[in-house]
Amino acid sequence: MKKVYIASPYSHKDKYIRMTRVIQVDAKAADLMEQGYLVFSPLSHSHGISEHANVDPMDHDFWLRQDLWVLDMCDELHILCLSGWQDSKGIAVEIARAKENGMKIVHHYYIKGQRI
């Protein structure tokens, strides 16, 4: 079974947009799991924890330290290409790390009216 790390944009000044992104990546992670992948979704893992930690949920350095070691153990990086993904500092770091590790990178694009 392939181990997949799924990246997506998170940071935004609007809390509603951040929450919407979490819901969308949760749905994609579930879809990949149903397809038989072993999936780690840093947003799914970290968003809820950030609500209880004395850490800014958009502190890139803190959260990347929590996530990149898992990426190193995965076979593939999957990117959920929601609005803003190309400007995401976190995704840029994750892509660079995946390339260093020689990992396959897969992009998932949102199509209106379809499950992501």
Protein backbone atom coordinates (compact mmCIF):
# COMPACT_ATOMS: atom_id res chain seq x y z
CA MET A 1 0.00 0.00 0.00
CA LYS A 2 1.27 3.43 -0.92
CA LYS A 3 1.75 5.95 1.88
CA VAL A 4 0.44 9.35 0.81
CA TYR A 5 0.94 12.78 2.35
CA ILE A 6 -1.78 15.17 1.20
CA ALA A 7 -0.95 18.87 1.13
CA SER A 8 -3.36 21.73 0.67
CA PRO A 9 -3.42 25.45 1.39
CA TYR A 10 -4.52 26.51 4.87
CA SER A 11 -3.37 30.00 5.84
CA HIS A 12 -5.85 32.77 5.23
CA LYS A 13 -6.97 35.77 7.28
CA ASP A 14 -10.57 34.54 7.09
CA LYS A 15 -11.21 31.74 9.61
CA TYR A 16 -14.18 30.53 7.53
CA ILE A 17 -11.92 29.94 4.51
CA ARG A 18 -9.42 28.05 6.69
CA MET A 19 -12.22 25.84 8.02
CA THR A 20 -13.58 25.24 4.51
CA ARG A 21 -10.11 24.15 3.38
CA VAL A 22 -9.92 21.68 6.26
CA ILE A 23 -13.31 20.20 5.33
CA GLN A 24 -12.24 19.88 1.68
CA VAL A 25 -8.95 18.16 2.51
CA ASP A 26 -10.73 15.85 4.98
CA ALA A 27 -13.05 14.76 2.16
CA LYS A 28 -10.11 14.16 -0.20
CA ALA A 29 -8.21 12.23 2.46
CA ALA A 30 -11.28 10.03 2.99
CA ASP A 31 -11.56 9.46 -0.76
CA LEU A 32 -7.90 8.41 -1.00
CA MET A 33 -8.29 6.09 2.01
CA GLU A 34 -11.30 4.47 0.36
CA GLN A 35 -9.11 3.90 -2.72
CA GLY A 36 -6.70 1.90 -0.54
CA TYR A 37 -3.98 4.46 0.19
CA LEU A 38 -2.49 4.99 3.63
CA VAL A 39 -3.01 8.73 4.10
CA PHE A 40 -1.58 11.44 6.32
CA SER A 41 -3.27 14.82 6.05
CA PRO A 42 -1.42 17.47 8.06
CA LEU A 43 -4.40 19.82 8.02
CA SER A 44 -6.72 17.09 9.27
CA HIS A 45 -4.23 16.24 12.00
CA SER A 46 -3.15 19.72 13.03
CA HIS A 47 -6.21 21.96 12.71
CA GLY A 48 -8.04 20.47 15.69
CA ILE A 49 -4.86 20.34 17.75
CA SER A 50 -4.16 24.01 17.02
CA GLU A 51 -7.43 24.90 18.74
CA HIS A 52 -5.98 23.53 22.01
CA ALA A 53 -2.35 24.59 21.65
CA ASN A 54 -0.88 27.93 22.56
CA VAL A 55 0.45 28.23 19.00
CA ASP A 56 -0.70 30.31 16.07
CA PRO A 57 -2.48 27.91 13.67
CA MET A 58 -0.67 29.69 10.82
CA ASP A 59 2.86 29.43 12.34
CA HIS A 60 4.53 27.75 9.34
CA ASP A 61 7.76 26.89 11.13
CA PHE A 62 6.02 25.18 14.03
CA TRP A 63 3.61 23.15 11.90
CA LEU A 64 6.17 22.17 9.26
CA ARG A 65 8.35 20.74 12.06
CA GLN A 66 5.35 18.66 13.08
CA ASP A 67 4.66 17.45 9.53
CA LEU A 68 7.80 17.10 7.42
CA TRP A 69 9.12 14.03 9.24
CA VAL A 70 5.93 12.24 8.17
CA LEU A 71 6.38 13.39 4.58
CA ASP A 72 9.84 11.80 4.66
CA MET A 73 8.24 8.42 5.36
CA CYS A 74 5.69 8.62 2.55
CA ASP A 75 5.83 7.32 -1.01
CA GLU A 76 3.90 10.13 -2.68
CA LEU A 77 2.97 13.77 -2.15
CA HIS A 78 -0.58 14.55 -3.22
CA ILE A 79 -1.58 18.20 -3.51
CA LEU A 80 -5.18 19.31 -3.23
CA CYS A 81 -5.13 22.29 -5.59
CA LEU A 82 -7.62 24.58 -3.87
CA SER A 83 -7.60 28.31 -4.53
CA GLY A 84 -4.29 29.74 -3.34
CA TRP A 85 -2.31 26.51 -3.46
CA GLN A 86 0.35 27.94 -5.78
CA ASP A 87 1.03 30.79 -3.34
CA SER A 88 1.22 28.55 -0.26
CA LYS A 89 4.58 28.76 1.53
CA GLY A 90 3.92 25.41 3.22
CA ILE A 91 3.14 23.60 -0.03
CA ALA A 92 6.29 25.06 -1.62
CA VAL A 93 8.36 23.59 1.22
CA GLU A 94 6.54 20.25 0.96
CA ILE A 95 7.11 20.09 -2.82
CA ALA A 96 10.81 20.88 -2.42
CA ARG A 97 11.15 18.17 0.24
CA ALA A 98 9.27 15.63 -1.89
CA LYS A 99 11.56 16.39 -4.84
CA GLU A 100 14.63 15.97 -2.61
CA ASN A 101 13.25 12.58 -1.60
CA GLY A 102 12.51 11.59 -5.23
CA MET A 103 8.82 11.22 -4.48
CA LYS A 104 6.01 11.11 -7.00
CA ILE A 105 3.89 14.28 -6.87
CA VAL A 106 0.19 14.08 -7.77
CA HIS A 107 -2.13 17.07 -8.21
CA HIS A 108 -5.88 16.91 -7.52
CA TYR A 109 -7.94 19.72 -9.01
CA TYR A 110 -11.38 20.77 -7.86
CA ILE A 111 -14.13 20.36 -10.43
CA LYS A 112 -17.35 22.18 -9.52
CA GLY A 113 -20.12 19.79 -8.61
CA GLN A 114 -17.81 16.80 -8.17
CA ARG A 115 -16.21 15.30 -5.13
CA ILE A 116 -12.61 16.49 -4.96
